[in-house]
PDB file of N, CA and C in Angstrom:
ATOM      1  N   UNK A   1       0.846  -1.180   0.000  1.00  0.00           N
ATOM      2  CA  UNK A   1       0.000   0.000   0.000  1.00  0.00           C
ATOM      3  C   UNK A   1       0.886   1.235   0.000  1.00  0.00           C
ATOM      4  N   UNK A   2       0.321   2.363  -0.206  1.00  0.00           N
ATOM      5  CA  UNK A   2       1.013   3.642  -0.264  1.00  0.00           C
ATOM      6  C   UNK A   2       1.297   4.155   1.142  1.00  0.00           C
ATOM      7  N   UNK A   3       2.505   4.630   1.345  1.00  0.00           N
ATOM      8  CA  UNK A   3       2.860   5.213   2.640  1.00  0.00           C
ATOM      9  C   UNK A   3       2.436   6.677   2.677  1.00  0.00           C
ATOM     10  N   UNK A   4       2.053   7.125   3.848  1.00  0.00           N
ATOM     11  CA  UNK A   4       1.745   8.537   4.072  1.00  0.00           C
ATOM     12  C   UNK A   4       3.065   9.306   3.985  1.00  0.00           C
ATOM     13  N   UNK A   5       3.096  10.371   3.199  1.00  0.00           N
ATOM     14  CA  UNK A   5       4.288  11.215   3.068  1.00  0.00           C
ATOM     15  C   UNK A   5       4.226  12.333   4.101  1.00  0.00           C
ATOM     16  N   UNK A   6       5.278  12.458   4.874  1.00  0.00           N
ATOM     17  CA  UNK A   6       5.335  13.512   5.897  1.00  0.00           C
ATOM     18  C   UNK A   6       6.637  14.272   5.706  1.00  0.00           C
ATOM     19  N   UNK A   7       6.516  15.576   5.500  1.00  0.00           N
ATOM     20  CA  UNK A   7       7.687  16.437   5.365  1.00  0.00           C
ATOM     21  C   UNK A   7       7.681  17.471   6.470  1.00  0.00           C
ATOM     22  N   UNK A   8       7.821  18.718   6.083  1.00  0.00           N
ATOM     23  CA  UNK A   8       7.797  19.813   7.052  1.00  0.00           C
ATOM     24  C   UNK A   8       6.410  20.012   7.648  1.00  0.00           C
ATOM     25  N   UNK A   9       5.363  19.615   6.881  1.00  0.00           N
ATOM     26  CA  UNK A   9       3.976  19.764   7.322  1.00  0.00           C
ATOM     27  C   UNK A   9       3.164  18.636   6.695  1.00  0.00           C
ATOM     28  N   UNK A  10       2.236  18.083   7.437  1.00  0.00           N
ATOM     29  CA  UNK A  10       1.371  17.020   6.921  1.00  0.00           C
ATOM     30  C   UNK A  10       0.001  17.604   6.630  1.00  0.00           C
ATOM     31  N   UNK A  11      -0.484  17.419   5.389  1.00  0.00           N
ATOM     32  CA  UNK A  11      -1.806  17.875   4.983  1.00  0.00           C
ATOM     33  C   UNK A  11      -2.666  16.643   4.712  1.00  0.00           C
ATOM     34  N   UNK A  12      -3.556  16.315   5.643  1.00  0.00           N
ATOM     35  CA  UNK A  12      -4.362  15.106   5.485  1.00  0.00           C
ATOM     36  C   UNK A  12      -5.340  15.213   4.326  1.00  0.00           C
ATOM     37  N   UNK A  13      -5.607  16.398   3.831  1.00  0.00           N
ATOM     38  CA  UNK A  13      -6.512  16.557   2.690  1.00  0.00           C
ATOM     39  C   UNK A  13      -5.959  15.867   1.436  1.00  0.00           C
ATOM     40  N   UNK A  14      -4.647  15.725   1.349  1.00  0.00           N
ATOM     41  CA  UNK A  14      -4.038  15.026   0.218  1.00  0.00           C
ATOM     42  C   UNK A  14      -4.391  13.536   0.208  1.00  0.00           C
ATOM     43  N   UNK A  15      -4.845  13.012   1.342  1.00  0.00           N
ATOM     44  CA  UNK A  15      -5.177  11.587   1.476  1.00  0.00           C
ATOM     45  C   UNK A  15      -6.656  11.375   1.781  1.00  0.00           C
ATOM     46  N   UNK A  16      -7.485  12.373   1.505  1.00  0.00           N
ATOM     47  CA  UNK A  16      -8.887  12.328   1.910  1.00  0.00           C
ATOM     48  C   UNK A  16      -9.674  11.184   1.293  1.00  0.00           C
ATOM     49  N   UNK A  17      -9.214  10.644   0.145  1.00  0.00           N
ATOM     50  CA  UNK A  17      -9.935   9.522  -0.453  1.00  0.00           C
ATOM     51  C   UNK A  17      -9.816   8.251   0.386  1.00  0.00           C
ATOM     52  N   UNK A  18      -8.823   8.176   1.261  1.00  0.00           N
ATOM     53  CA  UNK A  18      -8.630   6.974   2.056  1.00  0.00           C
ATOM     54  C   UNK A  18      -8.702   7.179   3.555  1.00  0.00           C
ATOM     55  N   UNK A  19      -8.810   8.431   3.996  1.00  0.00           N
ATOM     56  CA  UNK A  19      -8.906   8.728   5.416  1.00  0.00           C
ATOM     57  C   UNK A  19     -10.299   9.256   5.732  1.00  0.00           C
ATOM     58  N   UNK A  20     -10.928   8.687   6.734  1.00  0.00           N
ATOM     59  CA  UNK A  20     -12.262   9.130   7.147  1.00  0.00           C
ATOM     60  C   UNK A  20     -12.125  10.037   8.367  1.00  0.00           C
ATOM     61  N   UNK A  21     -12.691  11.231   8.276  1.00  0.00           N
ATOM     62  CA  UNK A  21     -12.661  12.177   9.391  1.00  0.00           C
ATOM     63  C   UNK A  21     -13.570  11.679  10.508  1.00  0.00           C
ATOM     64  N   UNK A  22     -13.008  11.503  11.701  1.00  0.00           N
ATOM     65  CA  UNK A  22     -13.772  11.070  12.867  1.00  0.00           C
ATOM     66  C   UNK A  22     -14.138  12.248  13.761  1.00  0.00           C
ATOM     67  N   UNK A  23     -13.185  13.160  13.922  1.00  0.00           N
ATOM     68  CA  UNK A  23     -13.415  14.316  14.793  1.00  0.00           C
ATOM     69  C   UNK A  23     -12.396  15.391  14.444  1.00  0.00           C
ATOM     70  N   UNK A  24     -12.836  16.659  14.514  1.00  0.00           N
ATOM     71  CA  UNK A  24     -11.915  17.749  14.211  1.00  0.00           C
ATOM     72  C   UNK A  24     -12.227  18.951  15.096  1.00  0.00           C
ATOM     73  N   UNK A  25     -11.165  19.510  15.656  1.00  0.00           N
ATOM     74  CA  UNK A  25     -11.256  20.769  16.391  1.00  0.00           C
ATOM     75  C   UNK A  25     -10.294  21.740  15.714  1.00  0.00           C
ATOM     76  N   UNK A  26     -10.119  22.878  16.312  1.00  0.00           N
ATOM     77  CA  UNK A  26      -9.223  23.876  15.717  1.00  0.00           C
ATOM     78  C   UNK A  26      -7.773  23.395  15.657  1.00  0.00           C
ATOM     79  N   UNK A  27      -7.330  22.615  16.641  1.00  0.00           N
ATOM     80  CA  UNK A  27      -5.929  22.199  16.716  1.00  0.00           C
ATOM     81  C   UNK A  27      -5.697  20.701  16.574  1.00  0.00           C
ATOM     82  N   UNK A  28      -6.757  19.898  16.542  1.00  0.00           N
ATOM     83  CA  UNK A  28      -6.609  18.441  16.537  1.00  0.00           C
ATOM     84  C   UNK A  28      -7.565  17.809  15.534  1.00  0.00           C
ATOM     85  N   UNK A  29      -7.063  16.816  14.788  1.00  0.00           N
ATOM     86  CA  UNK A  29      -7.876  16.067  13.835  1.00  0.00           C
ATOM     87  C   UNK A  29      -7.670  14.584  14.089  1.00  0.00           C
ATOM     88  N   UNK A  30      -8.764  13.822  14.139  1.00  0.00           N
ATOM     89  CA  UNK A  30      -8.721  12.382  14.365  1.00  0.00           C
ATOM     90  C   UNK A  30      -9.313  11.702  13.133  1.00  0.00           C
ATOM     91  N   UNK A  31      -8.547  10.773  12.535  1.00  0.00           N
ATOM     92  CA  UNK A  31      -8.920  10.145  11.270  1.00  0.00           C
ATOM     93  C   UNK A  31      -8.817   8.632  11.350  1.00  0.00           C
ATOM     94  N   UNK A  32      -9.634   7.931  10.566  1.00  0.00           N
ATOM     95  CA  UNK A  32      -9.553   6.477  10.424  1.00  0.00           C
ATOM     96  C   UNK A  32      -8.949   6.171   9.055  1.00  0.00           C
ATOM     97  N   UNK A  33      -8.134   5.145   8.992  1.00  0.00           N
ATOM     98  CA  UNK A  33      -7.441   4.739   7.772  1.00  0.00           C
ATOM     99  C   UNK A  33      -8.295   3.708   7.035  1.00  0.00           C
ATOM    100  N   UNK A  34      -9.125   4.137   6.096  1.00  0.00           N
ATOM    101  CA  UNK A  34     -10.001   3.232   5.354  1.00  0.00           C
ATOM    102  C   UNK A  34      -9.288   2.572   4.176  1.00  0.00           C
ATOM    103  N   UNK A  35      -8.194   3.152   3.698  1.00  0.00           N
ATOM    104  CA  UNK A  35      -7.520   2.655   2.497  1.00  0.00           C
ATOM    105  C   UNK A  35      -6.310   1.775   2.791  1.00  0.00           C
ATOM    106  N   UNK A  36      -5.982   1.605   4.055  1.00  0.00           N
ATOM    107  CA  UNK A  36      -4.825   0.777   4.402  1.00  0.00           C
ATOM    108  C   UNK A  36      -3.495   1.447   4.127  1.00  0.00           C
ATOM    109  N   UNK A  37      -3.438   2.789   4.237  1.00  0.00           N
ATOM    110  CA  UNK A  37      -2.163   3.491   4.064  1.00  0.00           C
ATOM    111  C   UNK A  37      -1.141   2.957   5.060  1.00  0.00           C
ATOM    112  N   UNK A  38       0.129   3.023   4.664  1.00  0.00           N
ATOM    113  CA  UNK A  38       1.211   2.579   5.532  1.00  0.00           C
ATOM    114  C   UNK A  38       1.707   3.733   6.399  1.00  0.00           C
ATOM    115  N   UNK A  39       2.150   3.385   7.584  1.00  0.00           N
ATOM    116  CA  UNK A  39       2.676   4.331   8.561  1.00  0.00           C
ATOM    117  C   UNK A  39       4.014   4.897   8.078  1.00  0.00           C
ATOM    118  N   UNK A  40       4.223   6.211   8.171  1.00  0.00           N
ATOM    119  CA  UNK A  40       5.501   6.793   7.759  1.00  0.00           C
ATOM    120  C   UNK A  40       6.651   6.464   8.710  1.00  0.00           C
ATOM    121  N   UNK A  41       6.338   5.981   9.910  1.00  0.00           N
ATOM    122  CA  UNK A  41       7.389   5.655  10.882  1.00  0.00           C
ATOM    123  C   UNK A  41       7.875   4.217  10.748  1.00  0.00           C
ATOM    124  N   UNK A  42       6.930   3.258  10.640  1.00  0.00           N
ATOM    125  CA  UNK A  42       7.331   1.850  10.656  1.00  0.00           C
ATOM    126  C   UNK A  42       7.027   1.099   9.364  1.00  0.00           C
ATOM    127  N   UNK A  43       6.212   1.683   8.487  1.00  0.00           N
ATOM    128  CA  UNK A  43       5.911   1.039   7.215  1.00  0.00           C
ATOM    129  C   UNK A  43       4.759   0.053   7.231  1.00  0.00           C
ATOM    130  N   UNK A  44       4.184  -0.199   8.406  1.00  0.00           N
ATOM    131  CA  UNK A  44       3.025  -1.095   8.503  1.00  0.00           C
ATOM    132  C   UNK A  44       1.740  -0.287   8.388  1.00  0.00           C
ATOM    133  N   UNK A  45       0.669  -0.940   7.982  1.00  0.00           N
ATOM    134  CA  UNK A  45      -0.632  -0.283   7.909  1.00  0.00           C
ATOM    135  C   UNK A  45      -1.065   0.150   9.310  1.00  0.00           C
ATOM    136  N   UNK A  46      -1.684   1.324   9.407  1.00  0.00           N
ATOM    137  CA  UNK A  46      -2.159   1.806  10.704  1.00  0.00           C
ATOM    138  C   UNK A  46      -3.674   1.870  10.683  1.00  0.00           C
ATOM    139  N   UNK A  47      -4.287   1.931  11.879  1.00  0.00           N
ATOM    140  CA  UNK A  47      -5.744   1.984  11.993  1.00  0.00           C
ATOM    141  C   UNK A  47      -6.264   3.415  12.079  1.00  0.00           C
ATOM    142  N   UNK A  48      -5.698   4.194  12.998  1.00  0.00           N
ATOM    143  CA  UNK A  48      -6.174   5.561  13.223  1.00  0.00           C
ATOM    144  C   UNK A  48      -4.998   6.518  13.286  1.00  0.00           C
ATOM    145  N   UNK A  49      -5.303   7.781  12.985  1.00  0.00           N
ATOM    146  CA  UNK A  49      -4.296   8.834  12.950  1.00  0.00           C
ATOM    147  C   UNK A  49      -4.830  10.052  13.687  1.00  0.00           C
ATOM    148  N   UNK A  50      -4.034  10.543  14.610  1.00  0.00           N
ATOM    149  CA  UNK A  50      -4.338  11.787  15.314  1.00  0.00           C
ATOM    150  C   UNK A  50      -3.293  12.807  14.897  1.00  0.00           C
ATOM    151  N   UNK A  51      -3.740  13.945  14.387  1.00  0.00           N
ATOM    152  CA  UNK A  51      -2.853  15.035  13.994  1.00  0.00           C
ATOM    153  C   UNK A  51      -3.153  16.208  14.915  1.00  0.00           C
ATOM    154  N   UNK A  52      -2.125  16.699  15.600  1.00  0.00           N
ATOM    155  CA  UNK A  52      -2.344  17.794  16.537  1.00  0.00           C
ATOM    156  C   UNK A  52      -1.276  18.867  16.377  1.00  0.00           C
ATOM    157  N   UNK A  53      -1.701  20.107  16.519  1.00  0.00           N
ATOM    158  CA  UNK A  53      -0.788  21.248  16.504  1.00  0.00           C
ATOM    159  C   UNK A  53      -0.574  21.796  17.904  1.00  0.00           C
ATOM    160  N   UNK A  54      -1.217  21.181  18.905  1.00  0.00           N
ATOM    161  CA  UNK A  54      -1.071  21.628  20.289  1.00  0.00           C
ATOM    162  C   UNK A  54       0.341  21.341  20.779  1.00  0.00           C
ATOM    163  N   UNK A  55       0.864  22.211  21.628  1.00  0.00           N
ATOM    164  CA  UNK A  55       2.211  22.019  22.170  1.00  0.00           C
ATOM    165  C   UNK A  55       2.248  20.942  23.241  1.00  0.00           C
ATOM    166  N   UNK A  56       1.133  20.777  23.979  1.00  0.00           N
ATOM    167  CA  UNK A  56       1.054  19.736  25.000  1.00  0.00           C
ATOM    168  C   UNK A  56      -0.203  18.910  24.757  1.00  0.00           C
ATOM    169  N   UNK A  57      -0.115  17.617  25.045  1.00  0.00           N
ATOM    170  CA  UNK A  57      -1.236  16.705  24.834  1.00  0.00           C
ATOM    171  C   UNK A  57      -1.248  15.658  25.931  1.00  0.00           C
ATOM    172  N   UNK A  58      -2.430  15.180  26.253  1.00  0.00           N
ATOM    173  CA  UNK A  58      -2.603  14.049  27.155  1.00  0.00           C
ATOM    174  C   UNK A  58      -3.408  13.005  26.397  1.00  0.00           C
ATOM    175  N   UNK A  59      -2.926  11.768  26.391  1.00  0.00           N
ATOM    176  CA  UNK A  59      -3.582  10.705  25.655  1.00  0.00           C
ATOM    177  C   UNK A  59      -3.959   9.571  26.598  1.00  0.00           C
ATOM    178  N   UNK A  60      -5.095   8.950  26.345  1.00  0.00           N
ATOM    179  CA  UNK A  60      -5.379   7.671  26.982  1.00  0.00           C
ATOM    180  C   UNK A  60      -4.498   6.643  26.300  1.00  0.00           C
ATOM    181  N   UNK A  61      -4.155   5.596  26.994  1.00  0.00           N
ATOM    182  CA  UNK A  61      -3.307   4.568  26.398  1.00  0.00           C
ATOM    183  C   UNK A  61      -4.017   3.925  25.212  1.00  0.00           C
ATOM    184  N   UNK A  62      -3.384   3.908  24.036  1.00  0.00           N
ATOM    185  CA  UNK A  62      -4.002   3.208  22.918  1.00  0.00           C
ATOM    186  C   UNK A  62      -4.011   1.701  23.192  1.00  0.00           C
ATOM    187  N   UNK A  63      -4.921   0.967  22.554  1.00  0.00           N
ATOM    188  CA  UNK A  63      -5.043  -0.459  22.834  1.00  0.00           C
ATOM    189  C   UNK A  63      -3.919  -1.316  22.268  1.00  0.00           C
ATOM    190  N   UNK A  64      -3.025  -0.766  21.513  1.00  0.00           N
ATOM    191  CA  UNK A  64      -1.938  -1.553  20.927  1.00  0.00           C
ATOM    192  C   UNK A  64      -0.746  -0.674  20.638  1.00  0.00           C
ATOM    193  N   UNK A  65       0.151  -1.139  19.763  1.00  0.00           N
ATOM    194  CA  UNK A  65       1.332  -0.333  19.449  1.00  0.00           C
ATOM    195  C   UNK A  65       0.948   0.959  18.730  1.00  0.00           C
ATOM    196  N   UNK A  66       1.803   1.974  18.882  1.00  0.00           N
ATOM    197  CA  UNK A  66       1.580   3.245  18.196  1.00  0.00           C
ATOM    198  C   UNK A  66       2.919   3.834  17.781  1.00  0.00           C
ATOM    199  N   UNK A  67       2.876   4.705  16.782  1.00  0.00           N
ATOM    200  CA  UNK A  67       4.062   5.392  16.286  1.00  0.00           C
ATOM    201  C   UNK A  67       3.843   6.894  16.390  1.00  0.00           C
ATOM    202  N   UNK A  68       4.923   7.629  16.568  1.00  0.00           N
ATOM    203  CA  UNK A  68       4.892   9.088  16.622  1.00  0.00           C
ATOM    204  C   UNK A  68       5.726   9.642  15.470  1.00  0.00           C
ATOM    205  N   UNK A  69       5.204  10.671  14.821  1.00  0.00           N
ATOM    206  CA  UNK A  69       5.923  11.361  13.750  1.00  0.00           C
ATOM    207  C   UNK A  69       5.797  12.852  14.016  1.00  0.00           C
ATOM    208  N   UNK A  70       6.903  13.567  13.919  1.00  0.00           N
ATOM    209  CA  UNK A  70       6.918  15.001  14.206  1.00  0.00           C
ATOM    210  C   UNK A  70       7.226  15.774  12.926  1.00  0.00           C
ATOM    211  N   UNK A  71       6.431  16.812  12.657  1.00  0.00           N
ATOM    212  CA  UNK A  71       6.752  17.770  11.601  1.00  0.00           C
ATOM    213  C   UNK A  71       7.188  19.052  12.293  1.00  0.00           C
ATOM    214  N   UNK A  72       7.390  20.101  11.529  1.00  0.00           N
ATOM    215  CA  UNK A  72       7.801  21.370  12.132  1.00  0.00           C
ATOM    216  C   UNK A  72       6.761  21.911  13.104  1.00  0.00           C
ATOM    217  N   UNK A  73       5.472  21.693  12.815  1.00  0.00           N
ATOM    218  CA  UNK A  73       4.421  22.281  13.642  1.00  0.00           C
ATOM    219  C   UNK A  73       3.331  21.303  14.069  1.00  0.00           C
ATOM    220  N   UNK A  74       3.544  20.010  13.865  1.00  0.00           N
ATOM    221  CA  UNK A  74       2.519  19.021  14.191  1.00  0.00           C
ATOM    222  C   UNK A  74       3.139  17.778  14.835  1.00  0.00           C
ATOM    223  N   UNK A  75       2.291  17.061  15.563  1.00  0.00           N
ATOM    224  CA  UNK A  75       2.616  15.728  16.059  1.00  0.00           C
ATOM    225  C   UNK A  75       1.570  14.788  15.485  1.00  0.00           C
ATOM    226  N   UNK A  76       2.017  13.682  14.888  1.00  0.00           N
ATOM    227  CA  UNK A  76       1.132  12.657  14.365  1.00  0.00           C
ATOM    228  C   UNK A  76       1.252  11.419  15.250  1.00  0.00           C
ATOM    229  N   UNK A  77       0.140  10.904  15.709  1.00  0.00           N
ATOM    230  CA  UNK A  77       0.095   9.680  16.504  1.00  0.00           C
ATOM    231  C   UNK A  77      -0.673   8.661  15.673  1.00  0.00           C
ATOM    232  N   UNK A  78      -0.014   7.571  15.309  1.00  0.00           N
ATOM    233  CA  UNK A  78      -0.615   6.540  14.467  1.00  0.00           C
ATOM    234  C   UNK A  78      -0.757   5.278  15.289  1.00  0.00           C
ATOM    235  N   UNK A  79      -1.978   4.750  15.405  1.00  0.00           N
ATOM    236  CA  UNK A  79      -2.207   3.531  16.173  1.00  0.00           C
ATOM    237  C   UNK A  79      -2.339   2.358  15.218  1.00  0.00           C
ATOM    238  N   UNK A  80      -1.846   1.193  15.671  1.00  0.00           N
ATOM    239  CA  UNK A  80      -1.845  -0.019  14.853  1.00  0.00           C
ATOM    240  C   UNK A  80      -2.777  -1.058  15.437  1.00  0.00           C
TER     241      UNK A  80
END
């Protein structure tokens, strides 16, 4: 499958055909991976993606492994 490309900034709109919007606020977006995109950190398919521009975050423990990817102004949390 195609890997998510992450550079200086991640724009999830480029992948909108395969990502389903679950929730969005001004600084945080939560998406489901409907197309089986591969994780930019480990190369395996991921289930959900959280994109946040907040400087601090608190997360509940995800139910399985997760990967973190940092851009210049965002943190991406990908759950597997």
